[in-house]
Amino acid sequence: MEEMPIGFRFYPTEEELISFYLQNMLQHKNGNYFNRVIPLLHIYQFEPWQLPQKCGELCYGDPEQWFFFVPRQEREVHGGKPSRTTTTGYWKATGSPSDIYSSDGKVIGVKKCMVFYNGKAPRSAKTKWKMNEYKAIKQDLPTSTPGLRNEVSLCRVYVVSGSSRTFDRWPTST
């Protein structure tokens, strides 16, 4: 494993996650390098507490957040919903998906927030494990309702820490 300089930390913005990492992955650019930072992984085959050990080698050891490219499941290819269940629980979406904007105000993606529950519904227990799932907008459509690129999504997995971090704060109203 490559040693990183003291103080190095991978802490991308949502715009960087979508416009650089996810778009380049979708276009098959720099695949080997990106796997060292954000690996391609079927994350629903693992429990959330196993995921920190599966993160990219250049981000291994980050105590707060872990990133993964997640390929579309076979059932999604045929028009079905993704299965977000694991052996011990499931990821449940919370709230409505929200748009992610570029610095110039253009919608570049969508974020869906999820919480991990131990057990099976309705007797499951909410945990502190959370995930933000990002999907990119198709840029080449001239229609007014842009579609999502579903081949691969990018997920940020983290544990609620009790302290506020940039990515889990609500935007301030102006």
Protein backbone atom coordinates (compact mmCIF):
# COMPACT_ATOMS: atom_id res chain seq x y z
CA MET A 1 0.00 0.00 0.00
CA GLU A 2 1.22 3.47 -0.89
CA GLU A 3 2.01 5.74 2.05
CA MET A 4 0.11 9.03 2.03
CA PRO A 5 1.60 12.27 3.34
CA ILE A 6 0.79 13.32 6.89
CA GLY A 7 -2.55 15.12 6.97
CA PHE A 8 -3.82 13.66 3.70
CA ARG A 9 -7.53 12.96 3.75
CA PHE A 10 -9.97 12.14 0.96
CA TYR A 11 -12.86 14.52 1.62
CA PRO A 12 -14.57 15.31 -1.70
CA THR A 13 -17.61 17.54 -2.12
CA GLU A 14 -20.83 16.13 -3.56
CA GLU A 15 -20.13 18.03 -6.77
CA GLU A 16 -16.68 16.39 -7.05
CA LEU A 17 -18.13 12.95 -6.32
CA ILE A 18 -20.61 13.24 -9.18
CA SER A 19 -18.92 15.47 -11.76
CA PHE A 20 -15.44 13.94 -11.48
CA TYR A 21 -15.43 10.47 -9.91
CA LEU A 22 -18.83 9.12 -10.94
CA GLN A 23 -18.83 10.68 -14.44
CA ASN A 24 -15.32 9.35 -15.15
CA MET A 25 -16.27 5.90 -13.87
CA LEU A 26 -19.37 5.91 -16.10
CA GLN A 27 -17.19 6.87 -19.06
CA HIS A 28 -14.63 4.15 -18.15
CA LYS A 29 -11.78 6.63 -17.64
CA ASN A 30 -8.98 5.99 -15.12
CA GLY A 31 -10.63 2.79 -13.84
CA ASN A 32 -7.57 1.33 -12.12
CA TYR A 33 -6.72 4.57 -10.33
CA PHE A 34 -10.30 5.10 -9.17
CA ASN A 35 -10.44 1.56 -7.76
CA ARG A 36 -7.53 2.50 -5.50
CA VAL A 37 -9.61 5.40 -4.13
CA ILE A 38 -13.21 4.20 -4.61
CA PRO A 39 -13.54 0.47 -5.37
CA LEU A 40 -16.34 -1.15 -7.38
CA LEU A 41 -18.17 -3.37 -4.87
CA HIS A 42 -21.55 -5.07 -4.47
CA ILE A 43 -21.99 -3.48 -1.03
CA TYR A 44 -25.30 -5.20 -0.25
CA GLN A 45 -23.41 -8.50 0.02
CA PHE A 46 -21.77 -7.11 3.19
CA GLU A 47 -22.88 -5.77 6.53
CA PRO A 48 -22.18 -2.04 6.99
CA TRP A 49 -19.50 -2.66 9.65
CA GLN A 50 -17.59 -4.84 7.17
CA LEU A 51 -17.39 -2.06 4.56
CA PRO A 52 -14.55 0.02 6.13
CA GLN A 53 -12.20 -2.93 5.48
CA LYS A 54 -13.31 -3.01 1.81
CA CYS A 55 -12.60 0.65 0.99
CA GLY A 56 -9.97 1.79 -1.49
CA GLU A 57 -6.34 1.40 -0.44
CA LEU A 58 -5.69 5.16 -0.68
CA CYS A 59 -8.52 5.80 1.79
CA TYR A 60 -7.99 2.81 4.06
CA GLY A 61 -8.09 3.75 7.71
CA ASP A 62 -10.45 6.74 7.39
CA PRO A 63 -12.49 6.56 10.59
CA GLU A 64 -15.48 8.57 9.33
CA GLN A 65 -16.53 7.73 5.78
CA TRP A 66 -16.02 5.14 3.07
CA PHE A 67 -16.80 5.38 -0.65
CA PHE A 68 -17.85 2.69 -3.13
CA PHE A 69 -18.95 2.46 -6.73
CA VAL A 70 -21.94 0.11 -6.76
CA PRO A 71 -22.90 -1.67 -10.00
CA ARG A 72 -26.55 -1.96 -10.94
CA GLN A 73 -28.08 -5.22 -9.75
CA GLU A 74 -29.38 -7.78 -12.22
CA ARG A 75 -32.97 -7.24 -11.11
CA GLU A 76 -32.65 -3.48 -11.83
CA VAL A 77 -31.54 -4.26 -15.39
CA HIS A 78 -34.90 -5.97 -15.93
CA GLY A 79 -36.92 -3.05 -14.51
CA GLY A 80 -37.14 -4.16 -10.87
CA LYS A 81 -36.22 -2.35 -7.67
CA PRO A 82 -32.79 -2.89 -6.15
CA SER A 83 -32.54 -5.23 -3.17
CA ARG A 84 -30.85 -3.44 -0.30
CA THR A 85 -30.99 -6.31 2.16
CA THR A 86 -28.02 -7.95 3.86
CA THR A 87 -27.82 -11.08 6.01
CA THR A 88 -28.63 -9.19 9.23
CA GLY A 89 -30.75 -6.25 8.06
CA TYR A 90 -31.57 -3.76 5.34
CA TRP A 91 -30.94 -0.23 4.09
CA LYS A 92 -34.09 1.91 4.16
CA ALA A 93 -34.47 5.17 2.22
CA THR A 94 -35.29 8.21 4.34
CA GLY A 95 -36.98 11.29 2.92
CA SER A 96 -37.14 12.21 -0.73
CA PRO A 97 -34.22 12.13 -3.16
CA SER A 98 -32.57 15.53 -3.51
CA ASP A 99 -30.88 17.18 -6.47
CA ILE A 100 -27.15 17.85 -6.43
CA TYR A 101 -26.05 21.04 -8.14
CA SER A 102 -22.78 22.09 -9.75
CA SER A 103 -21.15 25.36 -8.73
CA ASP A 104 -22.82 27.02 -11.75
CA GLY A 105 -26.30 25.96 -10.58
CA LYS A 106 -26.88 23.05 -12.99
CA VAL A 107 -28.42 19.80 -11.68
CA ILE A 108 -25.73 17.12 -12.08
CA GLY A 109 -27.10 14.30 -9.96
CA VAL A 110 -29.46 12.97 -7.34
CA LYS A 111 -28.78 11.90 -3.74
CA LYS A 112 -30.81 9.35 -1.84
CA CYS A 113 -30.19 9.02 1.92
CA MET A 114 -30.55 5.66 3.68
CA VAL A 115 -30.31 4.25 7.20
CA PHE A 116 -29.36 0.67 8.08
CA TYR A 117 -31.83 -1.34 10.19
CA ASN A 118 -30.88 -4.57 12.00
CA GLY A 119 -33.43 -7.34 11.71
CA LYS A 120 -36.51 -7.68 9.55
CA ALA A 121 -39.37 -5.17 9.39
CA PRO A 122 -41.45 -4.40 11.40
CA ARG A 123 -39.31 -5.57 14.35
CA SER A 124 -36.05 -4.07 13.17
CA ALA A 125 -33.83 -1.65 15.05
CA LYS A 126 -32.44 1.53 13.52
CA THR A 127 -28.64 1.78 13.67
CA LYS A 128 -26.18 4.67 13.39
CA TRP A 129 -25.03 3.47 9.94
CA LYS A 130 -26.03 5.79 7.09
CA MET A 131 -25.45 5.92 3.38
CA ASN A 132 -25.77 8.57 0.70
CA GLU A 133 -26.32 7.08 -2.74
CA TYR A 134 -25.43 9.33 -5.68
CA LYS A 135 -26.56 8.89 -9.27
CA ALA A 136 -25.50 11.08 -12.18
CA ILE A 137 -27.86 12.86 -14.55
CA LYS A 138 -27.68 11.94 -18.24
CA GLN A 139 -26.06 15.01 -19.77
CA ASP A 140 -26.84 14.32 -23.42
CA LEU A 141 -30.64 14.49 -23.35
CA PRO A 142 -32.29 17.62 -24.80
CA THR A 143 -35.53 16.96 -22.85
CA SER A 144 -36.78 19.02 -19.93
CA THR A 145 -36.85 16.00 -17.60
CA PRO A 146 -33.35 14.55 -17.42
CA GLY A 147 -32.89 10.85 -16.77
CA LEU A 148 -30.54 9.14 -14.35
CA ARG A 149 -27.53 7.05 -15.29
CA ASN A 150 -28.17 3.81 -13.48
CA GLU A 151 -25.25 1.63 -14.60
CA VAL A 152 -23.21 2.53 -11.52
CA SER A 153 -23.97 4.60 -8.44
CA LEU A 154 -21.52 6.06 -5.94
CA CYS A 155 -22.20 5.48 -2.23
CA ARG A 156 -20.79 7.28 0.81
CA VAL A 157 -21.17 5.06 3.91
CA TYR A 158 -20.66 6.53 7.37
CA VAL A 159 -21.62 6.24 11.02
CA VAL A 160 -23.54 9.07 12.66
CA SER A 161 -20.97 10.54 15.02
CA GLY A 162 -22.97 13.09 16.97
CA SER A 163 -20.80 15.92 15.65
CA SER A 164 -21.70 17.87 12.55
CA ARG A 165 -19.75 17.17 9.37
CA THR A 166 -20.07 19.04 6.10
CA PHE A 167 -21.80 16.22 4.25
CA ASP A 168 -24.46 15.47 6.88
CA ARG A 169 -25.50 19.03 7.72
CA TRP A 170 -28.72 20.46 6.33
CA PRO A 171 -28.15 23.42 4.03
CA THR A 172 -28.70 26.77 5.69
CA SER A 173 -31.68 28.71 4.39
CA THR A 174 -30.97 32.14 2.95
